[in-house]
Each structure stands twice: as C-alpha cells, then as structure tokens.
Amino acid sequence: MGMSQRQLPRPTNASTDLRILKTYVSSETWSDVMDRAESAGLSVSRYLSALIDRDELDSDGRPVWAEPPPRTEPLPGMETTAA
C-alpha cells in the first residue's frame, strides 16, 4: 500500500475495474490538459494514466522530480531511546 491507508472506491460499473479520480485545477491547467490529451489522440483519463505509467520513481517510491518531505524531529519528551 502507499504512504497512507486508502479506501479504494467502488468500480464505475460492474464490467470494469476502473475507479473515479477527482481533481481540481485552474482553468488554464484544465485547457492545457485537454489540449495535450487531444494532441496525443487520447482521452484525459488515458493521458493521465500514460503520464503516471512513465513517472520515474526513486527507491522510496517517490517521483524523482518531487522534493523529499521535510524531516520532522520528535517533540520534546517523545524521543525514542535505543534499548
């Protein structure tokens, strides 16, 4: 499983294993994605799937272009001790 527990949505219909993925983007990004998918001869769903399939991941499963999450130090009194 990924970085956190997720509940998988039900399939969109009984004959496929496809799931809905909702996202909100600016109108400029929406137009850009629509244009890129159309230029590739793909639906937006297939275009996004192709991008995800091509996303290079590091050894931690994080996209190589993504900054690593900031390291967080434990709160005072919450440190773990080696036994």
Protein backbone atom coordinates (compact mmCIF):
# COMPACT_ATOMS: atom_id res chain seq x y z
CA MET A 1 0.00 0.00 0.00
CA GLY A 2 1.07 3.61 -0.47
CA MET A 3 2.16 6.10 2.13
CA SER A 4 -1.16 6.06 3.97
CA GLN A 5 -4.21 3.85 4.33
CA ARG A 6 -6.64 4.41 1.47
CA GLN A 7 -10.13 3.17 0.81
CA LEU A 8 -10.46 2.06 -2.80
CA PRO A 9 -13.62 3.48 -4.41
CA ARG A 10 -16.04 1.06 -5.99
CA PRO A 11 -15.69 0.41 -9.74
CA THR A 12 -17.54 2.82 -12.00
CA ASN A 13 -19.51 -0.15 -13.35
CA ALA A 14 -19.53 -3.90 -12.87
CA SER A 15 -17.83 -4.68 -16.20
CA THR A 16 -14.59 -2.80 -15.47
CA ASP A 17 -12.08 -2.29 -12.69
CA LEU A 18 -11.89 1.46 -13.38
CA ARG A 19 -12.14 3.94 -10.49
CA ILE A 20 -13.06 7.63 -10.46
CA LEU A 21 -10.23 10.07 -9.76
CA LYS A 22 -11.42 13.61 -8.99
CA THR A 23 -9.14 16.62 -9.06
CA TYR A 24 -9.43 20.39 -9.14
CA VAL A 25 -7.19 22.51 -11.35
CA SER A 26 -7.15 26.05 -12.66
CA SER A 27 -8.97 26.78 -15.91
CA GLU A 28 -5.57 27.25 -17.61
CA THR A 29 -4.37 23.83 -16.46
CA TRP A 30 -7.68 22.26 -17.49
CA SER A 31 -7.34 23.71 -21.01
CA ASP A 32 -3.70 22.62 -21.20
CA VAL A 33 -4.52 19.03 -20.21
CA MET A 34 -7.43 18.88 -22.65
CA ASP A 35 -5.19 20.18 -25.48
CA ARG A 36 -2.36 17.78 -24.65
CA ALA A 37 -4.65 14.75 -24.48
CA GLU A 38 -6.33 15.70 -27.74
CA SER A 39 -2.95 16.25 -29.44
CA ALA A 40 -1.88 12.79 -28.28
CA GLY A 41 -5.13 11.29 -29.57
CA LEU A 42 -6.09 10.20 -26.06
CA SER A 43 -8.86 10.81 -23.59
CA VAL A 44 -7.82 12.74 -20.49
CA SER A 45 -8.08 9.51 -18.49
CA ARG A 46 -5.73 7.66 -20.83
CA TYR A 47 -3.40 10.67 -21.00
CA LEU A 48 -3.11 10.84 -17.19
CA SER A 49 -2.63 7.06 -17.00
CA ALA A 50 0.18 7.30 -19.57
CA LEU A 51 1.89 10.06 -17.58
CA ILE A 52 1.66 8.04 -14.37
CA ASP A 53 2.98 4.92 -16.10
CA ARG A 54 6.01 6.92 -17.29
CA ASP A 55 6.70 8.63 -13.94
CA GLU A 56 10.19 7.64 -12.75
CA LEU A 57 10.30 6.71 -9.06
CA ASP A 58 13.18 6.70 -6.60
CA SER A 59 13.97 3.84 -4.21
CA ASP A 60 11.32 5.15 -1.77
CA GLY A 61 8.58 5.12 -4.42
CA ARG A 62 8.56 8.94 -4.69
CA PRO A 63 8.66 10.60 -8.13
CA VAL A 64 12.26 11.66 -8.81
CA TRP A 65 11.11 15.22 -9.57
CA ALA A 66 9.41 15.61 -6.14
CA GLU A 67 11.22 17.16 -3.21
CA PRO A 68 11.56 14.79 -0.25
CA PRO A 69 9.21 15.58 2.62
CA PRO A 70 10.75 17.70 5.36
CA ARG A 71 12.33 15.74 8.19
CA THR A 72 10.43 16.18 11.38
CA GLU A 73 12.07 15.89 14.75
CA PRO A 74 10.13 14.32 17.61
CA LEU A 75 8.53 16.65 20.11
CA PRO A 76 10.44 17.12 23.37
CA GLY A 77 9.82 14.12 25.60
CA MET A 78 8.70 11.98 22.65
CA GLU A 79 12.17 10.80 21.59
CA THR A 80 12.68 7.09 21.19
CA THR A 81 15.52 5.51 23.08
CA ALA A 82 17.63 2.58 21.96
CA ALA A 83 17.37 -0.36 24.32
